[in-house]
Amino acid sequence: MESNVYIKDKDYSVYVSSCLLVMRKNDGLVKMMARGSYVKPALDVLAILLRDYVDDSDYSCDVKSEKFNEKWVTALEINLKGKIRKKDGDKR
């Protein structure tokens, strides 16, 4: 299964759900990627995941510049590994 989630302009909840789905299917591992103005939303999604959904987490961030549409933009890659927190009443 593809382990990449590309952060763009949808609501944060879409990306949080996507990351959790990928983590469930991929042994707790997900890679989030963002460019340009979507770097901040990617960091916000990471913060939400760490605060509300993931325990025993380990993550790394790689920041670089990429040429995109004839312009240089910031590119962010976040690798997150952790255990999805079980909610009360969840029997999984």
PDB file of N, CA and C in Angstrom:
ATOM      1  N   MET A   1       0.843  -1.197   0.000  1.00  0.00           N
ATOM      2  CA  MET A   1       0.000   0.000   0.000  1.00  0.00           C
ATOM      3  C   MET A   1       0.874   1.242   0.000  1.00  0.00           C
ATOM      4  N   GLU A   2       0.424   2.240  -0.696  1.00  0.00           N
ATOM      5  CA  GLU A   2       1.115   3.524  -0.737  1.00  0.00           C
ATOM      6  C   GLU A   2       1.108   4.145   0.656  1.00  0.00           C
ATOM      7  N   SER A   3       2.279   4.594   1.100  1.00  0.00           N
ATOM      8  CA  SER A   3       2.355   5.157   2.451  1.00  0.00           C
ATOM      9  C   SER A   3       2.484   6.669   2.446  1.00  0.00           C
ATOM     10  N   ASN A   4       2.297   7.320   1.281  1.00  0.00           N
ATOM     11  CA  ASN A   4       2.438   8.771   1.185  1.00  0.00           C
ATOM     12  C   ASN A   4       1.083   9.465   1.247  1.00  0.00           C
ATOM     13  N   VAL A   5       1.040  10.568   1.999  1.00  0.00           N
ATOM     14  CA  VAL A   5      -0.133  11.441   2.028  1.00  0.00           C
ATOM     15  C   VAL A   5       0.371  12.824   1.621  1.00  0.00           C
ATOM     16  N   TYR A   6      -0.170  13.351   0.531  1.00  0.00           N
ATOM     17  CA  TYR A   6       0.236  14.650   0.010  1.00  0.00           C
ATOM     18  C   TYR A   6      -0.717  15.717   0.545  1.00  0.00           C
ATOM     19  N   ILE A   7      -0.173  16.654   1.302  1.00  0.00           N
ATOM     20  CA  ILE A   7      -0.973  17.703   1.930  1.00  0.00           C
ATOM     21  C   ILE A   7      -1.156  18.847   0.935  1.00  0.00           C
ATOM     22  N   LYS A   8      -2.417  19.213   0.726  1.00  0.00           N
ATOM     23  CA  LYS A   8      -2.715  20.343  -0.164  1.00  0.00           C
ATOM     24  C   LYS A   8      -3.740  21.249   0.502  1.00  0.00           C
ATOM     25  N   ASP A   9      -4.909  21.473  -0.138  1.00  0.00           N
ATOM     26  CA  ASP A   9      -5.818  22.506   0.336  1.00  0.00           C
ATOM     27  C   ASP A   9      -7.147  21.993   0.887  1.00  0.00           C
ATOM     28  N   LYS A  10      -7.215  20.726   1.243  1.00  0.00           N
ATOM     29  CA  LYS A  10      -8.447  20.212   1.845  1.00  0.00           C
ATOM     30  C   LYS A  10      -8.448  20.493   3.344  1.00  0.00           C
ATOM     31  N   ASP A  11      -9.562  20.210   3.975  1.00  0.00           N
ATOM     32  CA  ASP A  11      -9.684  20.382   5.419  1.00  0.00           C
ATOM     33  C   ASP A  11      -8.717  19.447   6.146  1.00  0.00           C
ATOM     34  N   TYR A  12      -8.185  19.896   7.272  1.00  0.00           N
ATOM     35  CA  TYR A  12      -7.220  19.095   8.026  1.00  0.00           C
ATOM     36  C   TYR A  12      -7.770  17.713   8.371  1.00  0.00           C
ATOM     37  N   SER A  13      -9.057  17.635   8.658  1.00  0.00           N
ATOM     38  CA  SER A  13      -9.633  16.348   9.064  1.00  0.00           C
ATOM     39  C   SER A  13      -9.492  15.290   7.968  1.00  0.00           C
ATOM     40  N   VAL A  14      -9.499  15.705   6.723  1.00  0.00           N
ATOM     41  CA  VAL A  14      -9.313  14.766   5.601  1.00  0.00           C
ATOM     42  C   VAL A  14      -7.924  14.143   5.676  1.00  0.00           C
ATOM     43  N   TYR A  15      -6.919  14.956   5.944  1.00  0.00           N
ATOM     44  CA  TYR A  15      -5.549  14.464   6.002  1.00  0.00           C
ATOM     45  C   TYR A  15      -5.293  13.648   7.263  1.00  0.00           C
ATOM     46  N   VAL A  16      -5.891  14.039   8.371  1.00  0.00           N
ATOM     47  CA  VAL A  16      -5.760  13.249   9.598  1.00  0.00           C
ATOM     48  C   VAL A  16      -6.348  11.855   9.368  1.00  0.00           C
ATOM     49  N   SER A  17      -7.532  11.797   8.784  1.00  0.00           N
ATOM     50  CA  SER A  17      -8.169  10.505   8.489  1.00  0.00           C
ATOM     51  C   SER A  17      -7.327   9.682   7.522  1.00  0.00           C
ATOM     52  N   SER A  18      -6.796  10.322   6.502  1.00  0.00           N
ATOM     53  CA  SER A  18      -5.959   9.625   5.528  1.00  0.00           C
ATOM     54  C   SER A  18      -4.706   9.057   6.182  1.00  0.00           C
ATOM     55  N   CYS A  19      -4.079   9.837   7.025  1.00  0.00           N
ATOM     56  CA  CYS A  19      -2.875   9.368   7.715  1.00  0.00           C
ATOM     57  C   CYS A  19      -3.189   8.184   8.622  1.00  0.00           C
ATOM     58  N   LEU A  20      -4.297   8.262   9.348  1.00  0.00           N
ATOM     59  CA  LEU A  20      -4.670   7.155  10.230  1.00  0.00           C
ATOM     60  C   LEU A  20      -4.971   5.892   9.435  1.00  0.00           C
ATOM     61  N   LEU A  21      -5.624   6.037   8.304  1.00  0.00           N
ATOM     62  CA  LEU A  21      -5.907   4.888   7.448  1.00  0.00           C
ATOM     63  C   LEU A  21      -4.609   4.249   6.953  1.00  0.00           C
ATOM     64  N   VAL A  22      -3.687   5.071   6.480  1.00  0.00           N
ATOM     65  CA  VAL A  22      -2.404   4.554   5.999  1.00  0.00           C
ATOM     66  C   VAL A  22      -1.648   3.880   7.142  1.00  0.00           C
ATOM     67  N   MET A  23      -1.664   4.490   8.317  1.00  0.00           N
ATOM     68  CA  MET A  23      -0.966   3.908   9.463  1.00  0.00           C
ATOM     69  C   MET A  23      -1.551   2.551   9.843  1.00  0.00           C
ATOM     70  N   ARG A  24      -2.858   2.409   9.780  1.00  0.00           N
ATOM     71  CA  ARG A  24      -3.489   1.124  10.094  1.00  0.00           C
ATOM     72  C   ARG A  24      -3.064   0.045   9.111  1.00  0.00           C
ATOM     73  N   LYS A  25      -2.916   0.404   7.855  1.00  0.00           N
ATOM     74  CA  LYS A  25      -2.579  -0.558   6.802  1.00  0.00           C
ATOM     75  C   LYS A  25      -1.077  -0.773   6.666  1.00  0.00           C
ATOM     76  N   ASN A  26      -0.274   0.097   7.253  1.00  0.00           N
ATOM     77  CA  ASN A  26       1.169   0.100   6.985  1.00  0.00           C
ATOM     78  C   ASN A  26       2.000   0.004   8.266  1.00  0.00           C
ATOM     79  N   ASP A  27       1.568  -0.791   9.214  1.00  0.00           N
ATOM     80  CA  ASP A  27       2.315  -1.022  10.464  1.00  0.00           C
ATOM     81  C   ASP A  27       2.678   0.264  11.203  1.00  0.00           C
ATOM     82  N   GLY A  28       1.764   1.222  11.215  1.00  0.00           N
ATOM     83  CA  GLY A  28       1.974   2.442  11.979  1.00  0.00           C
ATOM     84  C   GLY A  28       2.878   3.466  11.322  1.00  0.00           C
ATOM     85  N   LEU A  29       3.119   3.340  10.026  1.00  0.00           N
ATOM     86  CA  LEU A  29       4.028   4.243   9.334  1.00  0.00           C
ATOM     87  C   LEU A  29       3.285   5.052   8.271  1.00  0.00           C
ATOM     88  N   VAL A  30       3.575   6.355   8.219  1.00  0.00           N
ATOM     89  CA  VAL A  30       3.016   7.225   7.174  1.00  0.00           C
ATOM     90  C   VAL A  30       4.055   8.278   6.815  1.00  0.00           C
ATOM     91  N   LYS A  31       4.046   8.682   5.555  1.00  0.00           N
ATOM     92  CA  LYS A  31       4.909   9.761   5.081  1.00  0.00           C
ATOM     93  C   LYS A  31       4.005  10.874   4.555  1.00  0.00           C
ATOM     94  N   MET A  32       4.124  12.065   5.160  1.00  0.00           N
ATOM     95  CA  MET A  32       3.364  13.230   4.707  1.00  0.00           C
ATOM     96  C   MET A  32       4.305  14.124   3.908  1.00  0.00           C
ATOM     97  N   MET A  33       3.789  14.643   2.806  1.00  0.00           N
ATOM     98  CA  MET A  33       4.608  15.500   1.953  1.00  0.00           C
ATOM     99  C   MET A  33       3.838  16.767   1.610  1.00  0.00           C
ATOM    100  N   ALA A  34       4.559  17.898   1.578  1.00  0.00           N
ATOM    101  CA  ALA A  34       3.920  19.179   1.268  1.00  0.00           C
ATOM    102  C   ALA A  34       4.944  20.094   0.610  1.00  0.00           C
ATOM    103  N   ARG A  35       4.432  21.028  -0.185  1.00  0.00           N
ATOM    104  CA  ARG A  35       5.272  22.034  -0.849  1.00  0.00           C
ATOM    105  C   ARG A  35       4.684  23.425  -0.639  1.00  0.00           C
ATOM    106  N   GLY A  36       5.574  24.395  -0.612  1.00  0.00           N
ATOM    107  CA  GLY A  36       5.170  25.797  -0.614  1.00  0.00           C
ATOM    108  C   GLY A  36       4.263  26.167   0.544  1.00  0.00           C
ATOM    109  N   SER A  37       3.118  26.752   0.216  1.00  0.00           N
ATOM    110  CA  SER A  37       2.204  27.247   1.246  1.00  0.00           C
ATOM    111  C   SER A  37       1.511  26.132   2.017  1.00  0.00           C
ATOM    112  N   TYR A  38       1.700  24.881   1.606  1.00  0.00           N
ATOM    113  CA  TYR A  38       1.070  23.760   2.300  1.00  0.00           C
ATOM    114  C   TYR A  38       1.956  23.159   3.384  1.00  0.00           C
ATOM    115  N   VAL A  39       3.144  23.748   3.597  1.00  0.00           N
ATOM    116  CA  VAL A  39       4.043  23.261   4.646  1.00  0.00           C
ATOM    117  C   VAL A  39       3.420  23.449   6.028  1.00  0.00           C
ATOM    118  N   LYS A  40       2.861  24.619   6.286  1.00  0.00           N
ATOM    119  CA  LYS A  40       2.239  24.865   7.596  1.00  0.00           C
ATOM    120  C   LYS A  40       1.073  23.918   7.859  1.00  0.00           C
ATOM    121  N   PRO A  41       0.144  23.713   6.915  1.00  0.00           N
ATOM    122  CA  PRO A  41      -0.914  22.733   7.169  1.00  0.00           C
ATOM    123  C   PRO A  41      -0.371  21.328   7.444  1.00  0.00           C
ATOM    124  N   ALA A  42       0.722  20.952   6.818  1.00  0.00           N
ATOM    125  CA  ALA A  42       1.309  19.630   7.080  1.00  0.00           C
ATOM    126  C   ALA A  42       1.793  19.537   8.526  1.00  0.00           C
ATOM    127  N   LEU A  43       2.407  20.608   9.011  1.00  0.00           N
ATOM    128  CA  LEU A  43       2.848  20.628  10.407  1.00  0.00           C
ATOM    129  C   LEU A  43       1.657  20.613  11.365  1.00  0.00           C
ATOM    130  N   ASP A  44       0.581  21.296  10.988  1.00  0.00           N
ATOM    131  CA  ASP A  44      -0.627  21.282  11.813  1.00  0.00           C
ATOM    132  C   ASP A  44      -1.231  19.880  11.870  1.00  0.00           C
ATOM    133  N   VAL A  45      -1.262  19.174  10.736  1.00  0.00           N
ATOM    134  CA  VAL A  45      -1.783  17.802  10.714  1.00  0.00           C
ATOM    135  C   VAL A  45      -0.924  16.912  11.608  1.00  0.00           C
ATOM    136  N   LEU A  46       0.399  17.071  11.538  1.00  0.00           N
ATOM    137  CA  LEU A  46       1.291  16.303  12.412  1.00  0.00           C
ATOM    138  C   LEU A  46       0.972  16.582  13.882  1.00  0.00           C
ATOM    139  N   ALA A  47       0.801  17.848  14.240  1.00  0.00           N
ATOM    140  CA  ALA A  47       0.508  18.217  15.622  1.00  0.00           C
ATOM    141  C   ALA A  47      -0.807  17.605  16.097  1.00  0.00           C
ATOM    142  N   ILE A  48      -1.832  17.605  15.250  1.00  0.00           N
ATOM    143  CA  ILE A  48      -3.128  17.007  15.604  1.00  0.00           C
ATOM    144  C   ILE A  48      -2.975  15.504  15.815  1.00  0.00           C
ATOM    145  N   LEU A  49      -2.251  14.845  14.918  1.00  0.00           N
ATOM    146  CA  LEU A  49      -2.039  13.402  15.051  1.00  0.00           C
ATOM    147  C   LEU A  49      -1.326  13.082  16.362  1.00  0.00           C
ATOM    148  N   LEU A  50      -0.267  13.827  16.671  1.00  0.00           N
ATOM    149  CA  LEU A  50       0.497  13.561  17.888  1.00  0.00           C
ATOM    150  C   LEU A  50      -0.319  13.856  19.142  1.00  0.00           C
ATOM    151  N   ARG A  51      -1.112  14.907  19.098  1.00  0.00           N
ATOM    152  CA  ARG A  51      -1.889  15.306  20.274  1.00  0.00           C
ATOM    153  C   ARG A  51      -3.058  14.378  20.547  1.00  0.00           C
ATOM    154  N   ASP A  52      -3.772  13.973  19.490  1.00  0.00           N
ATOM    155  CA  ASP A  52      -5.055  13.307  19.688  1.00  0.00           C
ATOM    156  C   ASP A  52      -5.115  11.835  19.294  1.00  0.00           C
ATOM    157  N   TYR A  53      -4.203  11.351  18.460  1.00  0.00           N
ATOM    158  CA  TYR A  53      -4.422  10.034  17.866  1.00  0.00           C
ATOM    159  C   TYR A  53      -3.273   9.038  17.960  1.00  0.00           C
ATOM    160  N   VAL A  54      -2.052   9.489  18.172  1.00  0.00           N
ATOM    161  CA  VAL A  54      -0.905   8.585  18.075  1.00  0.00           C
ATOM    162  C   VAL A  54      -0.112   8.576  19.377  1.00  0.00           C
ATOM    163  N   ASP A  55       0.215   7.367  19.843  1.00  0.00           N
ATOM    164  CA  ASP A  55       1.074   7.176  21.011  1.00  0.00           C
ATOM    165  C   ASP A  55       2.390   6.547  20.568  1.00  0.00           C
ATOM    166  N   ASP A  56       3.385   6.614  21.438  1.00  0.00           N
ATOM    167  CA  ASP A  56       4.699   6.017  21.171  1.00  0.00           C
ATOM    168  C   ASP A  56       5.217   6.428  19.801  1.00  0.00           C
ATOM    169  N   SER A  57       5.167   7.716  19.538  1.00  0.00           N
ATOM    170  CA  SER A  57       5.493   8.209  18.196  1.00  0.00           C
ATOM    171  C   SER A  57       6.987   8.496  18.049  1.00  0.00           C
ATOM    172  N   ASP A  58       7.421   8.372  16.831  1.00  0.00           N
ATOM    173  CA  ASP A  58       8.764   8.759  16.414  1.00  0.00           C
ATOM    174  C   ASP A  58       8.597   9.396  15.042  1.00  0.00           C
ATOM    175  N   TYR A  59       9.106  10.596  14.877  1.00  0.00           N
ATOM    176  CA  TYR A  59       8.949  11.247  13.579  1.00  0.00           C
ATOM    177  C   TYR A  59      10.216  12.007  13.214  1.00  0.00           C
ATOM    178  N   SER A  60      10.372  12.214  11.916  1.00  0.00           N
ATOM    179  CA  SER A  60      11.478  13.023  11.416  1.00  0.00           C
ATOM    180  C   SER A  60      10.938  13.925  10.315  1.00  0.00           C
ATOM    181  N   CYS A  61      11.548  15.091  10.189  1.00  0.00           N
ATOM    182  CA  CYS A  61      11.150  16.056   9.167  1.00  0.00           C
ATOM    183  C   CYS A  61      12.360  16.376   8.311  1.00  0.00           C
ATOM    184  N   ASP A  62      12.156  16.365   7.007  1.00  0.00           N
ATOM    185  CA  ASP A  62      13.203  16.714   6.059  1.00  0.00           C
ATOM    186  C   ASP A  62      12.722  17.938   5.274  1.00  0.00           C
ATOM    187  N   VAL A  63      13.493  18.999   5.342  1.00  0.00           N
ATOM    188  CA  VAL A  63      13.128  20.245   4.653  1.00  0.00           C
ATOM    189  C   VAL A  63      14.152  20.501   3.558  1.00  0.00           C
ATOM    190  N   LYS A  64      13.653  20.832   2.368  1.00  0.00           N
ATOM    191  CA  LYS A  64      14.544  21.125   1.252  1.00  0.00           C
ATOM    192  C   LYS A  64      13.860  22.104   0.310  1.00  0.00           C
ATOM    193  N   SER A  65      14.570  22.525  -0.719  1.00  0.00           N
ATOM    194  CA  SER A  65      14.002  23.379  -1.758  1.00  0.00           C
ATOM    195  C   SER A  65      13.918  22.570  -3.046  1.00  0.00           C
ATOM    196  N   GLU A  66      12.817  22.749  -3.757  1.00  0.00           N
ATOM    197  CA  GLU A  66      12.613  22.062  -5.031  1.00  0.00           C
ATOM    198  C   GLU A  66      12.179  23.079  -6.070  1.00  0.00           C
ATOM    199  N   LYS A  67      12.564  22.839  -7.294  1.00  0.00           N
ATOM    200  CA  LYS A  67      12.082  23.676  -8.389  1.00  0.00           C
ATOM    201  C   LYS A  67      10.728  23.131  -8.818  1.00  0.00           C
ATOM    202  N   PHE A  68       9.702  23.968  -8.746  1.00  0.00           N
ATOM    203  CA  PHE A  68       8.339  23.565  -9.050  1.00  0.00           C
ATOM    204  C   PHE A  68       7.698  24.666  -9.879  1.00  0.00           C
ATOM    205  N   ASN A  69       7.272  24.358 -11.091  1.00  0.00           N
ATOM    206  CA  ASN A  69       6.682  25.353 -12.003  1.00  0.00           C
ATOM    207  C   ASN A  69       7.583  26.574 -12.167  1.00  0.00           C
ATOM    208  N   GLU A  70       8.866  26.322 -12.432  1.00  0.00           N
ATOM    209  CA  GLU A  70       9.846  27.385 -12.699  1.00  0.00           C
ATOM    210  C   GLU A  70      10.157  28.253 -11.482  1.00  0.00           C
ATOM    211  N   LYS A  71       9.732  27.855 -10.285  1.00  0.00           N
ATOM    212  CA  LYS A  71      10.029  28.607  -9.068  1.00  0.00           C
ATOM    213  C   LYS A  71      10.605  27.652  -8.035  1.00  0.00           C
ATOM    214  N   TRP A  72      11.417  28.189  -7.136  1.00  0.00           N
ATOM    215  CA  TRP A  72      11.926  27.404  -6.031  1.00  0.00           C
ATOM    216  C   TRP A  72      10.933  27.496  -4.875  1.00  0.00           C
ATOM    217  N   VAL A  73      10.551  26.344  -4.338  1.00  0.00           N
ATOM    218  CA  VAL A  73       9.617  26.302  -3.216  1.00  0.00           C
ATOM    219  C   VAL A  73      10.184  25.403  -2.123  1.00  0.00           C
ATOM    220  N   THR A  74       9.739  25.631  -0.911  1.00  0.00           N
ATOM    221  CA  THR A  74      10.103  24.775   0.206  1.00  0.00           C
ATOM    222  C   THR A  74       9.324  23.477   0.103  1.00  0.00           C
ATOM    223  N   ALA A  75      10.002  22.369   0.334  1.00  0.00           N
ATOM    224  CA  ALA A  75       9.356  21.061   0.334  1.00  0.00           C
ATOM    225  C   ALA A  75       9.603  20.411   1.697  1.00  0.00           C
ATOM    226  N   LEU A  76       8.570  19.810   2.246  1.00  0.00           N
ATOM    227  CA  LEU A  76       8.641  19.180   3.560  1.00  0.00           C
ATOM    228  C   LEU A  76       8.215  17.729   3.436  1.00  0.00           C
ATOM    229  N   GLU A  77       8.996  16.851   4.063  1.00  0.00           N
ATOM    230  CA  GLU A  77       8.646  15.436   4.129  1.00  0.00           C
ATOM    231  C   GLU A  77       8.684  15.032   5.600  1.00  0.00           C
ATOM    232  N   ILE A  78       7.583  14.506   6.092  1.00  0.00           N
ATOM    233  CA  ILE A  78       7.474  14.078   7.483  1.00  0.00           C
ATOM    234  C   ILE A  78       7.250  12.577   7.496  1.00  0.00           C
ATOM    235  N   ASN A  79       8.123  11.854   8.188  1.00  0.00           N
ATOM    236  CA  ASN A  79       7.957  10.423   8.384  1.00  0.00           C
ATOM    237  C   ASN A  79       7.507  10.202   9.826  1.00  0.00           C
ATOM    238  N   LEU A  80       6.351   9.590   9.987  1.00  0.00           N
ATOM    239  CA  LEU A  80       5.774   9.368  11.313  1.00  0.00           C
ATOM    240  C   LEU A  80       5.537   7.880  11.514  1.00  0.00           C
ATOM    241  N   LYS A  81       5.983   7.386  12.656  1.00  0.00           N
ATOM    242  CA  LYS A  81       5.708   6.012  13.051  1.00  0.00           C
ATOM    243  C   LYS A  81       5.181   6.050  14.473  1.00  0.00           C
ATOM    244  N   GLY A  82       4.129   5.278  14.723  1.00  0.00           N
ATOM    245  CA  GLY A  82       3.559   5.241  16.060  1.00  0.00           C
ATOM    246  C   GLY A  82       2.399   4.274  16.136  1.00  0.00           C
ATOM    247  N   LYS A  83       1.849   4.172  17.335  1.00  0.00           N
ATOM    248  CA  LYS A  83       0.677   3.333  17.556  1.00  0.00           C
ATOM    249  C   LYS A  83      -0.551   4.221  17.634  1.00  0.00           C
ATOM    250  N   ILE A  84      -1.584   3.824  16.902  1.00  0.00           N
ATOM    251  CA  ILE A  84      -2.830   4.590  16.938  1.00  0.00           C
ATOM    252  C   ILE A  84      -3.500   4.349  18.282  1.00  0.00           C
ATOM    253  N   ARG A  85      -3.845   5.438  18.934  1.00  0.00           N
ATOM    254  CA  ARG A  85      -4.474   5.377  20.249  1.00  0.00           C
ATOM    255  C   ARG A  85      -5.868   4.772  20.144  1.00  0.00           C
ATOM    256  N   LYS A  86      -6.185   3.869  21.031  1.00  0.00           N
ATOM    257  CA  LYS A  86      -7.518   3.270  21.051  1.00  0.00           C
ATOM    258  C   LYS A  86      -8.444   4.172  21.839  1.00  0.00           C
ATOM    259  N   LYS A  87      -9.649   4.322  21.328  1.00  0.00           N
ATOM    260  CA  LYS A  87     -10.647   5.114  22.026  1.00  0.00           C
ATOM    261  C   LYS A  87     -11.387   4.220  23.020  1.00  0.00           C
ATOM    262  N   ASP A  88     -12.033   4.818  24.006  1.00  0.00           N
ATOM    263  CA  ASP A  88     -12.846   4.053  24.957  1.00  0.00           C
ATOM    264  C   ASP A  88     -13.915   3.290  24.209  1.00  0.00           C
ATOM    265  N   GLY A  89     -14.043   2.009  24.488  1.00  0.00           N
ATOM    266  CA  GLY A  89     -15.062   1.203  23.831  1.00  0.00           C
ATOM    267  C   GLY A  89     -14.602   0.579  22.545  1.00  0.00           C
ATOM    268  N   ASP A  90     -13.404   0.918  22.066  1.00  0.00           N
ATOM    269  CA  ASP A  90     -12.879   0.342  20.830  1.00  0.00           C
ATOM    270  C   ASP A  90     -12.318  -1.039  21.153  1.00  0.00           C
ATOM    271  N   LYS A  91     -12.831  -2.064  20.483  1.00  0.00           N
ATOM    272  CA  LYS A  91     -12.442  -3.428  20.790  1.00  0.00           C
ATOM    273  C   LYS A  91     -11.381  -3.972  19.838  1.00  0.00           C
ATOM    274  N   ARG A  92     -10.753  -3.106  19.069  1.00  0.00           N
ATOM    275  CA  ARG A  92      -9.711  -3.585  18.142  1.00  0.00           C
ATOM    276  C   ARG A  92      -8.430  -3.861  18.835  1.00  0.00           C
TER     277      ARG A  92
END
